Amino acid sequence: MMSMASSPTMGLKDTMTSFHKETKAELEAAYAQENMVDANPLTESQFVPEISANPHPRFLGLAKSIRERREEKV
């Protein structure tokens, strides 16, 4: 059996949503950006909004520090 590492729709507009009104609004605002990197100042992800990341404060800080040390995206 073959498994996929990610969804084939990852990064497409409106593929992530939430039942929580505030989170849903933030996801919609992130996908409304012309360039997804603009919505993701810490991770600079091109496909997935930062709002969908682990809510623990250290997660985005860790992603940012790794990117800064490597001088490239994580």
C-alpha atoms as a PDB file:
ATOM      1  CA  MET A   1       0.000   0.000   0.000  1.00  0.00           C
ATOM      2  CA  MET A   2       1.343   3.394  -0.985  1.00  0.00           C
ATOM      3  CA  SER A   3       0.867   6.390   1.291  1.00  0.00           C
ATOM      4  CA  MET A   4       1.069  10.100   0.594  1.00  0.00           C
ATOM      5  CA  ALA A   5       3.236  12.493   2.548  1.00  0.00           C
ATOM      6  CA  SER A   6       0.759  15.334   2.033  1.00  0.00           C
ATOM      7  CA  SER A   7      -2.641  16.047   0.607  1.00  0.00           C
ATOM      8  CA  PRO A   8      -2.725  16.608  -3.169  1.00  0.00           C
ATOM      9  CA  THR A   9      -4.779  19.747  -2.521  1.00  0.00           C
ATOM     10  CA  MET A  10      -2.283  21.246  -0.051  1.00  0.00           C
ATOM     11  CA  GLY A  11      -1.774  24.912  -0.749  1.00  0.00           C
ATOM     12  CA  LEU A  12      -4.885  25.359  -2.854  1.00  0.00           C
ATOM     13  CA  LYS A  13      -7.250  28.115  -1.803  1.00  0.00           C
ATOM     14  CA  ASP A  14     -10.008  27.096   0.640  1.00  0.00           C
ATOM     15  CA  THR A  15      -8.553  23.645   1.347  1.00  0.00           C
ATOM     16  CA  MET A  16      -8.149  24.375   5.072  1.00  0.00           C
ATOM     17  CA  THR A  17     -10.995  25.534   7.231  1.00  0.00           C
ATOM     18  CA  SER A  18     -12.122  25.579  10.845  1.00  0.00           C
ATOM     19  CA  PHE A  19     -15.363  25.437  12.800  1.00  0.00           C
ATOM     20  CA  HIS A  20     -13.986  28.140  15.113  1.00  0.00           C
ATOM     21  CA  LYS A  21     -15.161  31.491  13.690  1.00  0.00           C
ATOM     22  CA  GLU A  22     -12.017  33.477  14.520  1.00  0.00           C
ATOM     23  CA  THR A  23      -9.680  30.808  13.168  1.00  0.00           C
ATOM     24  CA  LYS A  24     -11.775  30.455  10.030  1.00  0.00           C
ATOM     25  CA  ALA A  25     -11.605  34.224   9.461  1.00  0.00           C
ATOM     26  CA  GLU A  26      -7.821  34.198   9.936  1.00  0.00           C
ATOM     27  CA  LEU A  27      -7.418  31.308   7.478  1.00  0.00           C
ATOM     28  CA  GLU A  28      -9.576  33.097   4.914  1.00  0.00           C
ATOM     29  CA  ALA A  29      -7.519  36.284   5.357  1.00  0.00           C
ATOM     30  CA  ALA A  30      -4.268  34.339   4.907  1.00  0.00           C
ATOM     31  CA  TYR A  31      -5.513  32.689   1.705  1.00  0.00           C
ATOM     32  CA  ALA A  32      -6.722  36.097   0.453  1.00  0.00           C
ATOM     33  CA  GLN A  33      -3.121  37.375   0.422  1.00  0.00           C
ATOM     34  CA  GLU A  34      -1.671  37.613  -3.076  1.00  0.00           C
ATOM     35  CA  ASN A  35       1.539  35.989  -1.860  1.00  0.00           C
ATOM     36  CA  MET A  36       1.213  33.364   0.891  1.00  0.00           C
ATOM     37  CA  VAL A  37       4.714  34.224   2.199  1.00  0.00           C
ATOM     38  CA  ASP A  38       3.348  37.671   3.163  1.00  0.00           C
ATOM     39  CA  ALA A  39       0.848  35.942   5.473  1.00  0.00           C
ATOM     40  CA  ASN A  40       3.621  33.844   7.048  1.00  0.00           C
ATOM     41  CA  PRO A  41       6.354  36.158   8.393  1.00  0.00           C
ATOM     42  CA  LEU A  42       7.875  33.532  10.701  1.00  0.00           C
ATOM     43  CA  THR A  43       7.838  30.342   8.620  1.00  0.00           C
ATOM     44  CA  GLU A  44       7.720  31.945   5.158  1.00  0.00           C
ATOM     45  CA  SER A  45       5.608  28.993   4.019  1.00  0.00           C
ATOM     46  CA  GLN A  46       4.280  29.259   0.475  1.00  0.00           C
ATOM     47  CA  PHE A  47       1.446  26.770   0.933  1.00  0.00           C
ATOM     48  CA  VAL A  48       0.098  26.572   4.483  1.00  0.00           C
ATOM     49  CA  PRO A  49      -0.895  29.542   6.683  1.00  0.00           C
ATOM     50  CA  GLU A  50       0.925  29.895  10.006  1.00  0.00           C
ATOM     51  CA  ILE A  51      -2.431  30.001  11.792  1.00  0.00           C
ATOM     52  CA  SER A  52      -2.743  26.265  11.080  1.00  0.00           C
ATOM     53  CA  ALA A  53       0.520  25.516  12.934  1.00  0.00           C
ATOM     54  CA  ASN A  54       0.761  24.161  16.442  1.00  0.00           C
ATOM     55  CA  PRO A  55      -0.640  26.863  18.762  1.00  0.00           C
ATOM     56  CA  HIS A  56       2.207  26.484  21.265  1.00  0.00           C
ATOM     57  CA  PRO A  57       4.269  29.734  21.288  1.00  0.00           C
ATOM     58  CA  ARG A  58       7.572  27.897  20.936  1.00  0.00           C
ATOM     59  CA  PHE A  59       6.630  26.218  17.636  1.00  0.00           C
ATOM     60  CA  LEU A  60       6.762  29.312  15.414  1.00  0.00           C
ATOM     61  CA  GLY A  61       9.742  30.662  17.351  1.00  0.00           C
ATOM     62  CA  LEU A  62      11.609  27.416  16.712  1.00  0.00           C
ATOM     63  CA  ALA A  63      10.741  27.497  13.003  1.00  0.00           C
ATOM     64  CA  LYS A  64      11.931  31.117  12.805  1.00  0.00           C
ATOM     65  CA  SER A  65      15.235  30.449  14.610  1.00  0.00           C
ATOM     66  CA  ILE A  66      16.009  27.398  12.441  1.00  0.00           C
ATOM     67  CA  ARG A  67      15.312  29.416   9.294  1.00  0.00           C
ATOM     68  CA  GLU A  68      17.532  32.259  10.533  1.00  0.00           C
ATOM     69  CA  ARG A  69      20.426  29.892  11.404  1.00  0.00           C
ATOM     70  CA  ARG A  70      20.227  28.086   8.069  1.00  0.00           C
ATOM     71  CA  GLU A  71      19.570  31.338   6.189  1.00  0.00           C
ATOM     72  CA  GLU A  72      16.930  29.445   4.187  1.00  0.00           C
ATOM     73  CA  LYS A  73      13.446  28.072   4.662  1.00  0.00           C
ATOM     74  CA  VAL A  74      12.965  25.168   7.057  1.00  0.00           C
END
